[in-house]
Amino acid sequence: MGSKVVRVVKKRKRRCCVNTALLDIFYDAQDLLQEGNAAKALKLLRRCVKVAAAAAEKPAMFRDPRNPEEPPVHVILSGVHNAMGEVALDGVLEASGQRKMAGESLATAEACFTKAVALNEANAAAWLSLAGIRRDAHDLEAAAACYSSAAKAAPQEQVDA
């Protein structure tokens, strides 16, 4: 594992494994998003992707044997890409009068949601966001397929509610 990854793990509140460090960084990013600080949150989200990529050669470092309830790294990274897609969609709304900027943000959002569902097919939120993007692009067949995948991915109690 690279020294950069080790530094990130050691800096975290709970020093143990990469998976726990990723989860901590992701939660910090979520807090920043709720506070309205998308720029700092995006930096942390990108850091999650880099840390996971650098540590991918040592999968044993991903799981904390003392906390088996933590989600696996692919689920965390799926959530990271989903959050990055949401930030990009916010960029689309902010750039609504500037066609080129809005188009770039939309392409970024679609790429993030596509990566999120590739990492975790059970990410219903990412499927729904992807469906909305494809619906708005008038690609109704692709949108329907995404909605169907979201329904399959969502826990049954959420579908029935």
N, C-alpha and C. Protein backbone atom coordinates (compact mmCIF):
# COMPACT_ATOMS: atom_id res chain seq x y z
N MET A 1 0.85 -1.17 0.00
CA MET A 1 0.00 0.00 0.00
C MET A 1 0.88 1.23 0.00
N GLY A 2 0.55 2.23 -0.83
CA GLY A 2 1.35 3.43 -0.94
C GLY A 2 1.36 4.25 0.34
N SER A 3 2.41 5.06 0.48
CA SER A 3 2.54 5.87 1.70
C SER A 3 1.42 6.89 1.81
N LYS A 4 0.90 7.37 0.67
CA LYS A 4 -0.21 8.33 0.70
C LYS A 4 -1.44 7.70 1.36
N VAL A 5 -1.72 6.46 1.02
CA VAL A 5 -2.87 5.77 1.60
C VAL A 5 -2.65 5.57 3.10
N VAL A 6 -1.46 5.18 3.49
CA VAL A 6 -1.17 4.98 4.90
C VAL A 6 -1.35 6.28 5.67
N ARG A 7 -0.91 7.40 5.09
CA ARG A 7 -1.08 8.71 5.76
C ARG A 7 -2.57 9.02 5.95
N VAL A 8 -3.37 8.76 4.92
CA VAL A 8 -4.80 9.04 5.02
C VAL A 8 -5.43 8.18 6.11
N VAL A 9 -5.06 6.91 6.16
CA VAL A 9 -5.61 6.01 7.17
C VAL A 9 -5.20 6.47 8.57
N LYS A 10 -3.95 6.85 8.74
CA LYS A 10 -3.48 7.27 10.06
C LYS A 10 -4.10 8.59 10.51
N LYS A 11 -4.48 9.45 9.57
CA LYS A 11 -5.05 10.74 9.93
C LYS A 11 -6.49 10.61 10.42
N ARG A 12 -7.16 9.56 10.05
CA ARG A 12 -8.57 9.41 10.38
C ARG A 12 -8.75 9.19 11.88
N LYS A 13 -9.95 9.49 12.35
CA LYS A 13 -10.27 9.36 13.78
C LYS A 13 -10.08 7.92 14.27
N ARG A 14 -10.53 6.96 13.48
CA ARG A 14 -10.43 5.55 13.85
C ARG A 14 -9.36 4.92 12.99
N ARG A 15 -8.20 4.71 13.55
CA ARG A 15 -7.08 4.16 12.77
C ARG A 15 -7.18 2.65 12.70
N CYS A 16 -7.43 2.13 11.53
CA CYS A 16 -7.39 0.68 11.40
C CYS A 16 -7.23 0.28 9.95
N CYS A 17 -8.23 0.45 9.13
CA CYS A 17 -8.13 -0.06 7.77
C CYS A 17 -8.63 0.97 6.77
N VAL A 18 -8.36 0.71 5.51
CA VAL A 18 -8.74 1.64 4.45
C VAL A 18 -10.26 1.78 4.37
N ASN A 19 -10.98 0.68 4.53
CA ASN A 19 -12.44 0.73 4.44
C ASN A 19 -13.02 1.71 5.46
N THR A 20 -12.54 1.65 6.69
CA THR A 20 -13.01 2.55 7.74
C THR A 20 -12.64 3.99 7.41
N ALA A 21 -11.43 4.20 6.92
CA ALA A 21 -11.00 5.55 6.54
C ALA A 21 -11.87 6.10 5.42
N LEU A 22 -12.18 5.27 4.42
CA LEU A 22 -13.06 5.70 3.33
C LEU A 22 -14.43 6.10 3.86
N LEU A 23 -14.96 5.31 4.76
CA LEU A 23 -16.26 5.59 5.33
C LEU A 23 -16.24 6.92 6.09
N ASP A 24 -15.18 7.16 6.86
CA ASP A 24 -15.05 8.43 7.59
C ASP A 24 -14.99 9.61 6.63
N ILE A 25 -14.18 9.49 5.58
CA ILE A 25 -14.06 10.58 4.60
C ILE A 25 -15.41 10.82 3.93
N PHE A 26 -16.09 9.74 3.57
CA PHE A 26 -17.40 9.86 2.91
C PHE A 26 -18.40 10.58 3.82
N TYR A 27 -18.43 10.20 5.10
CA TYR A 27 -19.35 10.86 6.03
C TYR A 27 -19.00 12.33 6.21
N ASP A 28 -17.69 12.64 6.25
CA ASP A 28 -17.28 14.04 6.34
C ASP A 28 -17.76 14.82 5.11
N ALA A 29 -17.66 14.21 3.94
CA ALA A 29 -18.13 14.84 2.71
C ALA A 29 -19.64 15.05 2.75
N GLN A 30 -20.37 14.06 3.24
CA GLN A 30 -21.83 14.19 3.34
C GLN A 30 -22.20 15.36 4.27
N ASP A 31 -21.47 15.49 5.38
CA ASP A 31 -21.71 16.61 6.30
C ASP A 31 -21.48 17.94 5.59
N LEU A 32 -20.40 18.03 4.82
CA LEU A 32 -20.11 19.27 4.09
C LEU A 32 -21.20 19.57 3.07
N LEU A 33 -21.72 18.55 2.40
CA LEU A 33 -22.80 18.75 1.45
C LEU A 33 -24.04 19.29 2.14
N GLN A 34 -24.35 18.75 3.31
CA GLN A 34 -25.52 19.23 4.05
C GLN A 34 -25.33 20.67 4.51
N GLU A 35 -24.08 21.07 4.76
CA GLU A 35 -23.79 22.45 5.16
C GLU A 35 -23.74 23.39 3.95
N GLY A 36 -23.84 22.82 2.75
CA GLY A 36 -23.83 23.64 1.55
C GLY A 36 -22.44 23.91 0.99
N ASN A 37 -21.44 23.19 1.46
CA ASN A 37 -20.08 23.40 1.00
C ASN A 37 -19.70 22.31 -0.01
N ALA A 38 -20.24 22.45 -1.21
CA ALA A 38 -20.05 21.43 -2.24
C ALA A 38 -18.60 21.32 -2.71
N ALA A 39 -17.89 22.44 -2.77
CA ALA A 39 -16.51 22.41 -3.27
C ALA A 39 -15.61 21.56 -2.37
N LYS A 40 -15.70 21.78 -1.06
CA LYS A 40 -14.88 20.98 -0.13
C LYS A 40 -15.34 19.53 -0.12
N ALA A 41 -16.65 19.32 -0.21
CA ALA A 41 -17.18 17.95 -0.22
C ALA A 41 -16.67 17.20 -1.44
N LEU A 42 -16.65 17.86 -2.59
CA LEU A 42 -16.19 17.23 -3.82
C LEU A 42 -14.72 16.84 -3.71
N LYS A 43 -13.91 17.66 -3.04
CA LYS A 43 -12.50 17.31 -2.83
C LYS A 43 -12.38 16.04 -2.01
N LEU A 44 -13.20 15.93 -0.96
CA LEU A 44 -13.15 14.71 -0.13
C LEU A 44 -13.65 13.49 -0.91
N LEU A 45 -14.69 13.67 -1.72
CA LEU A 45 -15.21 12.56 -2.50
C LEU A 45 -14.16 12.07 -3.50
N ARG A 46 -13.47 13.00 -4.14
CA ARG A 46 -12.41 12.62 -5.07
C ARG A 46 -11.27 11.91 -4.33
N ARG A 47 -11.02 12.35 -3.11
CA ARG A 47 -9.98 11.71 -2.30
C ARG A 47 -10.34 10.25 -2.02
N CYS A 48 -11.62 10.00 -1.75
CA CYS A 48 -12.08 8.61 -1.54
C CYS A 48 -11.73 7.74 -2.73
N VAL A 49 -12.00 8.25 -3.92
CA VAL A 49 -11.73 7.49 -5.14
C VAL A 49 -10.23 7.21 -5.26
N LYS A 50 -9.40 8.21 -5.00
CA LYS A 50 -7.95 8.04 -5.10
C LYS A 50 -7.43 7.05 -4.07
N VAL A 51 -7.91 7.16 -2.84
CA VAL A 51 -7.45 6.26 -1.78
C VAL A 51 -7.83 4.82 -2.12
N ALA A 52 -9.04 4.61 -2.57
CA ALA A 52 -9.48 3.25 -2.91
C ALA A 52 -8.67 2.71 -4.08
N ALA A 53 -8.39 3.54 -5.07
CA ALA A 53 -7.62 3.08 -6.22
C ALA A 53 -6.20 2.71 -5.81
N ALA A 54 -5.59 3.51 -4.95
CA ALA A 54 -4.22 3.25 -4.51
C ALA A 54 -4.13 2.01 -3.64
N ALA A 55 -5.19 1.71 -2.91
CA ALA A 55 -5.17 0.58 -1.98
C ALA A 55 -5.74 -0.71 -2.57
N ALA A 56 -6.20 -0.65 -3.80
CA ALA A 56 -6.88 -1.80 -4.41
C ALA A 56 -6.00 -3.05 -4.48
N GLU A 57 -4.68 -2.87 -4.45
CA GLU A 57 -3.80 -4.04 -4.53
C GLU A 57 -3.78 -4.84 -3.25
N LYS A 58 -4.27 -4.29 -2.15
CA LYS A 58 -4.25 -5.01 -0.86
C LYS A 58 -5.66 -5.09 -0.31
N PRO A 59 -6.51 -5.94 -0.87
CA PRO A 59 -7.91 -5.99 -0.45
C PRO A 59 -8.11 -6.33 1.03
N ALA A 60 -7.18 -7.02 1.64
CA ALA A 60 -7.33 -7.36 3.05
C ALA A 60 -7.35 -6.12 3.93
N MET A 61 -6.77 -5.04 3.46
CA MET A 61 -6.73 -3.80 4.24
C MET A 61 -8.08 -3.07 4.22
N PHE A 62 -9.00 -3.52 3.36
CA PHE A 62 -10.27 -2.82 3.24
C PHE A 62 -11.24 -3.08 4.39
N ARG A 63 -11.21 -4.25 4.97
CA ARG A 63 -12.23 -4.60 5.96
C ARG A 63 -11.67 -4.54 7.37
N ASP A 64 -12.50 -4.04 8.28
CA ASP A 64 -12.14 -4.01 9.70
C ASP A 64 -12.78 -5.24 10.35
N PRO A 65 -11.98 -6.22 10.77
CA PRO A 65 -12.56 -7.43 11.34
C PRO A 65 -13.33 -7.16 12.64
N ARG A 66 -13.05 -6.02 13.29
CA ARG A 66 -13.77 -5.68 14.51
C ARG A 66 -15.13 -5.06 14.23
N ASN A 67 -15.38 -4.68 13.00
CA ASN A 67 -16.64 -4.04 12.65
C ASN A 67 -17.14 -4.60 11.32
N PRO A 68 -17.64 -5.84 11.32
CA PRO A 68 -18.06 -6.48 10.06
C PRO A 68 -19.32 -5.86 9.45
N GLU A 69 -20.01 -4.98 10.20
CA GLU A 69 -21.22 -4.37 9.66
C GLU A 69 -20.92 -3.25 8.67
N GLU A 70 -19.68 -2.77 8.64
CA GLU A 70 -19.34 -1.71 7.70
C GLU A 70 -19.55 -2.22 6.28
N PRO A 71 -20.05 -1.35 5.41
CA PRO A 71 -20.27 -1.78 4.02
C PRO A 71 -18.95 -2.05 3.31
N PRO A 72 -18.97 -2.94 2.33
CA PRO A 72 -17.76 -3.20 1.55
C PRO A 72 -17.37 -1.96 0.74
N VAL A 73 -16.13 -1.92 0.33
CA VAL A 73 -15.59 -0.73 -0.33
C VAL A 73 -16.35 -0.39 -1.61
N HIS A 74 -16.79 -1.38 -2.37
CA HIS A 74 -17.51 -1.07 -3.61
C HIS A 74 -18.83 -0.36 -3.32
N VAL A 75 -19.45 -0.66 -2.20
CA VAL A 75 -20.69 0.00 -1.83
C VAL A 75 -20.40 1.45 -1.42
N ILE A 76 -19.32 1.64 -0.67
CA ILE A 76 -18.92 3.01 -0.27
C ILE A 76 -18.62 3.82 -1.53
N LEU A 77 -17.83 3.26 -2.44
CA LEU A 77 -17.47 3.99 -3.66
C LEU A 77 -18.69 4.26 -4.54
N SER A 78 -19.65 3.36 -4.54
CA SER A 78 -20.88 3.61 -5.28
C SER A 78 -21.59 4.83 -4.71
N GLY A 79 -21.63 4.91 -3.37
CA GLY A 79 -22.21 6.09 -2.72
C GLY A 79 -21.43 7.35 -3.01
N VAL A 80 -20.11 7.23 -3.07
CA VAL A 80 -19.25 8.37 -3.40
C VAL A 80 -19.58 8.89 -4.80
N HIS A 81 -19.66 7.99 -5.78
CA HIS A 81 -19.98 8.40 -7.15
C HIS A 81 -21.40 8.95 -7.25
N ASN A 82 -22.31 8.40 -6.47
CA ASN A 82 -23.67 8.93 -6.45
C ASN A 82 -23.66 10.37 -5.93
N ALA A 83 -22.93 10.62 -4.86
CA ALA A 83 -22.84 11.98 -4.30
C ALA A 83 -22.18 12.94 -5.29
N MET A 84 -21.15 12.47 -5.99
CA MET A 84 -20.51 13.31 -7.00
C MET A 84 -21.47 13.64 -8.13
N GLY A 85 -22.31 12.69 -8.50
CA GLY A 85 -23.32 12.93 -9.52
C GLY A 85 -24.34 13.96 -9.07
N GLU A 86 -24.73 13.89 -7.80
CA GLU A 86 -25.68 14.87 -7.27
C GLU A 86 -25.08 16.28 -7.28
N VAL A 87 -23.80 16.39 -6.94
CA VAL A 87 -23.12 17.69 -6.99
C VAL A 87 -23.11 18.20 -8.43
N ALA A 88 -22.84 17.31 -9.38
CA ALA A 88 -22.84 17.71 -10.79
C ALA A 88 -24.23 18.15 -11.24
N LEU A 89 -25.28 17.46 -10.77
CA LEU A 89 -26.65 17.89 -11.10
C LEU A 89 -26.96 19.26 -10.53
N ASP A 90 -26.45 19.53 -9.33
CA ASP A 90 -26.60 20.88 -8.78
C ASP A 90 -25.94 21.90 -9.70
N GLY A 91 -24.81 21.52 -10.30
CA GLY A 91 -24.13 22.39 -11.26
C GLY A 91 -24.98 22.66 -12.49
N VAL A 92 -25.76 21.66 -12.90
CA VAL A 92 -26.66 21.84 -14.04
C VAL A 92 -27.70 22.90 -13.70
N LEU A 93 -28.25 22.82 -12.50
CA LEU A 93 -29.26 23.80 -12.08
C LEU A 93 -28.68 25.20 -11.98
N GLU A 94 -27.46 25.30 -11.45
CA GLU A 94 -26.82 26.60 -11.30
C GLU A 94 -26.46 27.20 -12.65
N ALA A 95 -26.17 26.37 -13.64
CA ALA A 95 -25.74 26.86 -14.95
C ALA A 95 -26.87 26.82 -15.97
N SER A 96 -28.10 26.84 -15.50
CA SER A 96 -29.23 26.65 -16.41
C SER A 96 -29.26 27.65 -17.56
N GLY A 97 -28.74 28.86 -17.37
CA GLY A 97 -28.73 29.84 -18.46
C GLY A 97 -27.52 29.69 -19.37
N GLN A 98 -26.54 28.90 -18.97
CA GLN A 98 -25.32 28.74 -19.75
C GLN A 98 -25.28 27.33 -20.31
N ARG A 99 -25.71 27.20 -21.52
CA ARG A 99 -25.93 25.89 -22.14
C ARG A 99 -24.70 24.97 -22.10
N LYS A 100 -23.52 25.49 -22.47
CA LYS A 100 -22.32 24.64 -22.52
C LYS A 100 -21.97 24.11 -21.13
N MET A 101 -21.99 24.99 -20.12
CA MET A 101 -21.64 24.58 -18.76
C MET A 101 -22.65 23.57 -18.22
N ALA A 102 -23.92 23.79 -18.51
CA ALA A 102 -24.96 22.87 -18.06
C ALA A 102 -24.77 21.50 -18.71
N GLY A 103 -24.42 21.49 -20.00
CA GLY A 103 -24.20 20.22 -20.71
C GLY A 103 -23.04 19.44 -20.15
N GLU A 104 -21.95 20.15 -19.80
CA GLU A 104 -20.78 19.48 -19.20
C GLU A 104 -21.14 18.90 -17.83
N SER A 105 -21.89 19.65 -17.04
CA SER A 105 -22.28 19.16 -15.72
C SER A 105 -23.20 17.95 -15.84
N LEU A 106 -24.08 17.97 -16.81
CA LEU A 106 -24.99 16.85 -17.01
C LEU A 106 -24.23 15.60 -17.45
N ALA A 107 -23.24 15.78 -18.33
CA ALA A 107 -22.43 14.64 -18.76
C ALA A 107 -21.63 14.08 -17.58
N THR A 108 -21.12 14.96 -16.73
CA THR A 108 -20.39 14.52 -15.54
C THR A 108 -21.32 13.75 -14.61
N ALA A 109 -22.52 14.28 -14.40
CA ALA A 109 -23.49 13.62 -13.52
C ALA A 109 -23.83 12.23 -14.06
N GLU A 110 -24.10 12.14 -15.35
CA GLU A 110 -24.44 10.84 -15.93
C GLU A 110 -23.29 9.84 -15.78
N ALA A 111 -22.06 10.30 -15.99
CA ALA A 111 -20.90 9.42 -15.84
C ALA A 111 -20.77 8.95 -14.39
N CYS A 112 -21.01 9.84 -13.43
CA CYS A 112 -20.91 9.47 -12.02
C CYS A 112 -21.97 8.44 -11.64
N PHE A 113 -23.20 8.66 -12.08
CA PHE A 113 -24.27 7.71 -11.75
C PHE A 113 -24.04 6.37 -12.44
N THR A 114 -23.51 6.40 -13.65
CA THR A 114 -23.19 5.15 -14.37
C THR A 114 -22.13 4.37 -13.61
N LYS A 115 -21.12 5.07 -13.12
CA LYS A 115 -20.06 4.42 -12.33
C LYS A 115 -20.65 3.88 -11.02
N ALA A 116 -21.55 4.64 -10.40
CA ALA A 116 -22.17 4.21 -9.13
C ALA A 116 -22.91 2.89 -9.30
N VAL A 117 -23.70 2.76 -10.37
CA VAL A 117 -24.45 1.52 -10.55
C VAL A 117 -23.56 0.38 -11.05
N ALA A 118 -22.44 0.72 -11.71
CA ALA A 118 -21.49 -0.32 -12.11
C ALA A 118 -20.82 -0.92 -10.87
N LEU A 119 -20.56 -0.08 -9.88
CA LEU A 119 -19.93 -0.55 -8.64
C LEU A 119 -20.91 -1.31 -7.75
N ASN A 120 -22.18 -0.88 -7.78
CA ASN A 120 -23.17 -1.50 -6.90
C ASN A 120 -24.53 -1.44 -7.58
N GLU A 121 -24.94 -2.54 -8.16
CA GLU A 121 -26.23 -2.57 -8.87
C GLU A 121 -27.42 -2.37 -7.95
N ALA A 122 -27.21 -2.45 -6.63
CA ALA A 122 -28.29 -2.25 -5.67
C ALA A 122 -28.44 -0.79 -5.25
N ASN A 123 -27.75 0.14 -5.91
CA ASN A 123 -27.83 1.56 -5.58
C ASN A 123 -29.06 2.16 -6.27
N ALA A 124 -30.21 2.03 -5.63
CA ALA A 124 -31.47 2.48 -6.23
C ALA A 124 -31.47 3.99 -6.49
N ALA A 125 -30.87 4.77 -5.60
CA ALA A 125 -30.84 6.22 -5.78
C ALA A 125 -30.10 6.60 -7.07
N ALA A 126 -28.99 5.94 -7.34
CA ALA A 126 -28.23 6.21 -8.56
C ALA A 126 -29.03 5.80 -9.80
N TRP A 127 -29.72 4.65 -9.72
CA TRP A 127 -30.55 4.22 -10.84
C TRP A 127 -31.64 5.25 -11.13
N LEU A 128 -32.26 5.77 -10.07
CA LEU A 128 -33.33 6.77 -10.26
C LEU A 128 -32.78 8.06 -10.88
N SER A 129 -31.63 8.50 -10.42
CA SER A 129 -31.03 9.71 -10.99
C SER A 129 -30.68 9.50 -12.45
N LEU A 130 -30.13 8.34 -12.76
CA LEU A 130 -29.79 8.01 -14.14
C LEU A 130 -31.05 7.94 -15.00
N ALA A 131 -32.12 7.38 -14.45
CA ALA A 131 -33.39 7.31 -15.18
C ALA A 131 -33.91 8.71 -15.49
N GLY A 132 -33.82 9.61 -14.53
CA GLY A 132 -34.27 10.98 -14.75
C GLY A 132 -33.48 11.68 -15.85
N ILE A 133 -32.18 11.48 -15.84
CA ILE A 133 -31.33 12.09 -16.88
C ILE A 133 -31.71 11.54 -18.25
N ARG A 134 -31.90 10.25 -18.33
CA ARG A 134 -32.23 9.63 -19.62
C ARG A 134 -33.65 9.97 -20.07
N ARG A 135 -34.56 10.11 -19.10
CA ARG A 135 -35.92 10.54 -19.44
C ARG A 135 -35.89 11.95 -20.02
N ASP A 136 -35.14 12.85 -19.36
CA ASP A 136 -35.07 14.23 -19.82
C ASP A 136 -34.37 14.35 -21.17
N ALA A 137 -33.54 13.35 -21.52
CA ALA A 137 -32.89 13.33 -22.83
C ALA A 137 -33.78 12.65 -23.88
N HIS A 138 -35.01 12.30 -23.49
CA HIS A 138 -36.00 11.66 -24.36
C HIS A 138 -35.57 10.27 -24.81
N ASP A 139 -34.73 9.62 -24.01
CA ASP A 139 -34.35 8.23 -24.26
C ASP A 139 -35.21 7.37 -23.33
N LEU A 140 -36.47 7.20 -23.74
CA LEU A 140 -37.46 6.58 -22.87
C LEU A 140 -37.20 5.10 -22.62
N GLU A 141 -36.65 4.39 -23.59
CA GLU A 141 -36.33 2.98 -23.37
C GLU A 141 -35.25 2.82 -22.29
N ALA A 142 -34.22 3.64 -22.38
CA ALA A 142 -33.13 3.58 -21.39
C ALA A 142 -33.65 4.03 -20.02
N ALA A 143 -34.51 5.04 -20.01
CA ALA A 143 -35.09 5.51 -18.75
C ALA A 143 -35.92 4.40 -18.10
N ALA A 144 -36.73 3.73 -18.90
CA ALA A 144 -37.56 2.63 -18.37
C ALA A 144 -36.68 1.51 -17.80
N ALA A 145 -35.60 1.20 -18.49
CA ALA A 145 -34.68 0.16 -17.99
C ALA A 145 -34.07 0.58 -16.66
N CYS A 146 -33.72 1.86 -16.54
CA CYS A 146 -33.15 2.36 -15.27
C CYS A 146 -34.19 2.32 -14.16
N TYR A 147 -35.42 2.73 -14.47
CA TYR A 147 -36.49 2.67 -13.45
C TYR A 147 -36.71 1.23 -13.01
N SER A 148 -36.67 0.30 -13.95
CA SER A 148 -36.84 -1.11 -13.62
C SER A 148 -35.71 -1.60 -12.71
N SER A 149 -34.49 -1.19 -13.02
CA SER A 149 -33.35 -1.57 -12.18
C SER A 149 -33.47 -0.96 -10.79
N ALA A 150 -33.97 0.27 -10.71
CA ALA A 150 -34.16 0.91 -9.40
C ALA A 150 -35.19 0.15 -8.57
N ALA A 151 -36.26 -0.29 -9.23
CA ALA A 151 -37.29 -1.06 -8.51
C ALA A 151 -36.75 -2.38 -8.00
N LYS A 152 -35.90 -3.03 -8.80
CA LYS A 152 -35.29 -4.29 -8.37
C LYS A 152 -34.31 -4.07 -7.23
N ALA A 153 -33.63 -2.91 -7.24
CA ALA A 153 -32.59 -2.63 -6.25
C ALA A 153 -33.16 -2.16 -4.91
N ALA A 154 -34.32 -1.50 -4.94
CA ALA A 154 -34.89 -0.94 -3.73
C ALA A 154 -35.41 -2.03 -2.80
N PRO A 155 -35.15 -1.90 -1.52
CA PRO A 155 -35.73 -2.86 -0.56
C PRO A 155 -37.26 -2.84 -0.69
N GLN A 156 -37.89 -3.98 -0.53
CA GLN A 156 -39.33 -4.11 -0.75
C GLN A 156 -40.14 -3.16 0.11
N GLU A 157 -39.71 -2.92 1.38
CA GLU A 157 -40.49 -2.02 2.25
C GLU A 157 -40.50 -0.60 1.71
N GLN A 158 -39.44 -0.19 0.97
CA GLN A 158 -39.43 1.15 0.39
C GLN A 158 -40.35 1.21 -0.81
N VAL A 159 -40.42 0.13 -1.58
CA VAL A 159 -41.27 0.09 -2.76
C VAL A 159 -42.73 0.12 -2.32
N ASP A 160 -43.08 -0.58 -1.25
CA ASP A 160 -44.47 -0.64 -0.80
C ASP A 160 -44.93 0.63 -0.11
N ALA A 161 -44.02 1.43 0.39
CA ALA A 161 -44.39 2.63 1.16
C ALA A 161 -45.04 3.68 0.33
